[in-house]
């Protein structure tokens, strides 16, 4: 997953969300929570995106994307006979 600033195109966060391809992703209204789903739909991950601005210059668009996300939850949906 690569999250970029829409205007400046600066990379805000970059990380591997799943070992398989991603079939869906969605931000919450605040733009800080990201939910991703694997292609088979059994694995769902929730991340908090926390852009870390690494310069004192407010006009700069430099982010530390290596530390800009936290993996909050991993949900696994299994198969049942119900």
Protein backbone atom coordinates (compact mmCIF):
# COMPACT_ATOMS: atom_id res chain seq x y z
CA UNK A 1 0.00 0.00 0.00
CA UNK A 2 1.30 3.43 -0.90
CA UNK A 3 -0.53 6.47 0.50
CA UNK A 4 0.31 9.76 -1.19
CA UNK A 5 -0.60 13.37 -0.62
CA UNK A 6 -3.08 14.19 -3.39
CA UNK A 7 -1.74 17.68 -4.05
CA UNK A 8 2.02 17.32 -3.57
CA UNK A 9 2.29 13.64 -4.57
CA UNK A 10 4.58 13.10 -1.55
CA UNK A 11 4.56 9.57 -0.11
CA UNK A 12 2.90 9.66 3.32
CA UNK A 13 2.94 5.94 4.09
CA UNK A 14 4.19 2.80 2.38
CA UNK A 15 3.81 -0.72 3.75
CA UNK A 16 2.85 -4.29 2.89
CA UNK A 17 -0.74 -4.88 4.01
CA UNK A 18 -1.13 -8.52 2.87
CA UNK A 19 0.96 -11.30 1.42
CA UNK A 20 -1.64 -11.75 -1.34
CA UNK A 21 -3.09 -9.06 -3.61
CA UNK A 22 -5.51 -6.52 -2.13
CA UNK A 23 -9.07 -6.61 -3.43
CA UNK A 24 -10.45 -3.62 -1.51
CA UNK A 25 -9.39 -0.76 0.70
CA UNK A 26 -11.26 2.07 2.36
CA UNK A 27 -10.46 5.07 4.54
CA UNK A 28 -12.71 6.19 7.37
CA UNK A 29 -14.15 9.73 7.13
CA UNK A 30 -11.27 11.20 9.17
CA UNK A 31 -8.71 9.76 6.76
CA UNK A 32 -6.65 8.21 9.55
CA UNK A 33 -7.96 4.63 9.53
CA UNK A 34 -7.43 2.38 6.53
CA UNK A 35 -9.10 -1.01 6.11
CA UNK A 36 -7.71 -3.46 3.55
CA UNK A 37 -9.08 -6.81 2.38
CA UNK A 38 -7.18 -9.60 0.70
CA UNK A 39 -8.23 -10.90 -2.69
CA UNK A 40 -9.89 -13.98 -1.21
CA UNK A 41 -11.80 -11.86 1.33
CA UNK A 42 -10.74 -13.89 4.38
CA UNK A 43 -8.15 -11.47 5.77
CA UNK A 44 -8.99 -7.91 6.73
CA UNK A 45 -6.46 -5.51 8.24
CA UNK A 46 -7.01 -2.18 9.96
CA UNK A 47 -4.23 0.41 10.01
CA UNK A 48 -3.91 3.87 11.53
CA UNK A 49 -2.17 6.24 9.14
CA UNK A 50 -0.10 8.82 11.01
CA UNK A 51 1.90 11.06 8.67
CA UNK A 52 5.14 12.15 10.32
CA UNK A 53 6.41 15.44 8.94
CA UNK A 54 10.22 15.31 9.32
CA UNK A 55 11.25 18.89 8.74
CA UNK A 56 10.83 22.19 10.55
CA UNK A 57 9.96 23.95 7.31
CA UNK A 58 6.13 24.13 7.11
CA UNK A 59 6.38 24.54 3.34
CA UNK A 60 8.26 21.28 2.94
CA UNK A 61 6.48 18.04 2.04
CA UNK A 62 8.97 15.56 3.49
CA UNK A 63 7.42 12.64 5.41
CA UNK A 64 8.98 9.72 7.25
CA UNK A 65 6.77 7.06 5.64
CA UNK A 66 8.60 4.16 7.29
CA UNK A 67 7.07 5.05 10.67
CA UNK A 68 3.78 6.53 9.53
CA UNK A 69 1.40 3.62 10.10
CA UNK A 70 0.35 1.27 12.88
CA UNK A 71 -1.26 -2.12 12.28
CA UNK A 72 -4.22 -2.11 14.68
CA UNK A 73 -6.22 -5.25 13.88
CA UNK A 74 -6.06 -8.40 11.79
CA UNK A 75 -9.44 -9.99 11.23
CA UNK A 76 -9.79 -13.45 9.75
CA UNK A 77 -13.05 -14.76 8.40
CA UNK A 78 -13.30 -18.52 8.29
CA UNK A 79 -15.62 -20.96 6.62
CA UNK A 80 -18.46 -22.46 8.65
CA UNK A 81 -21.09 -25.08 7.92
CA UNK A 82 -23.92 -22.83 9.15
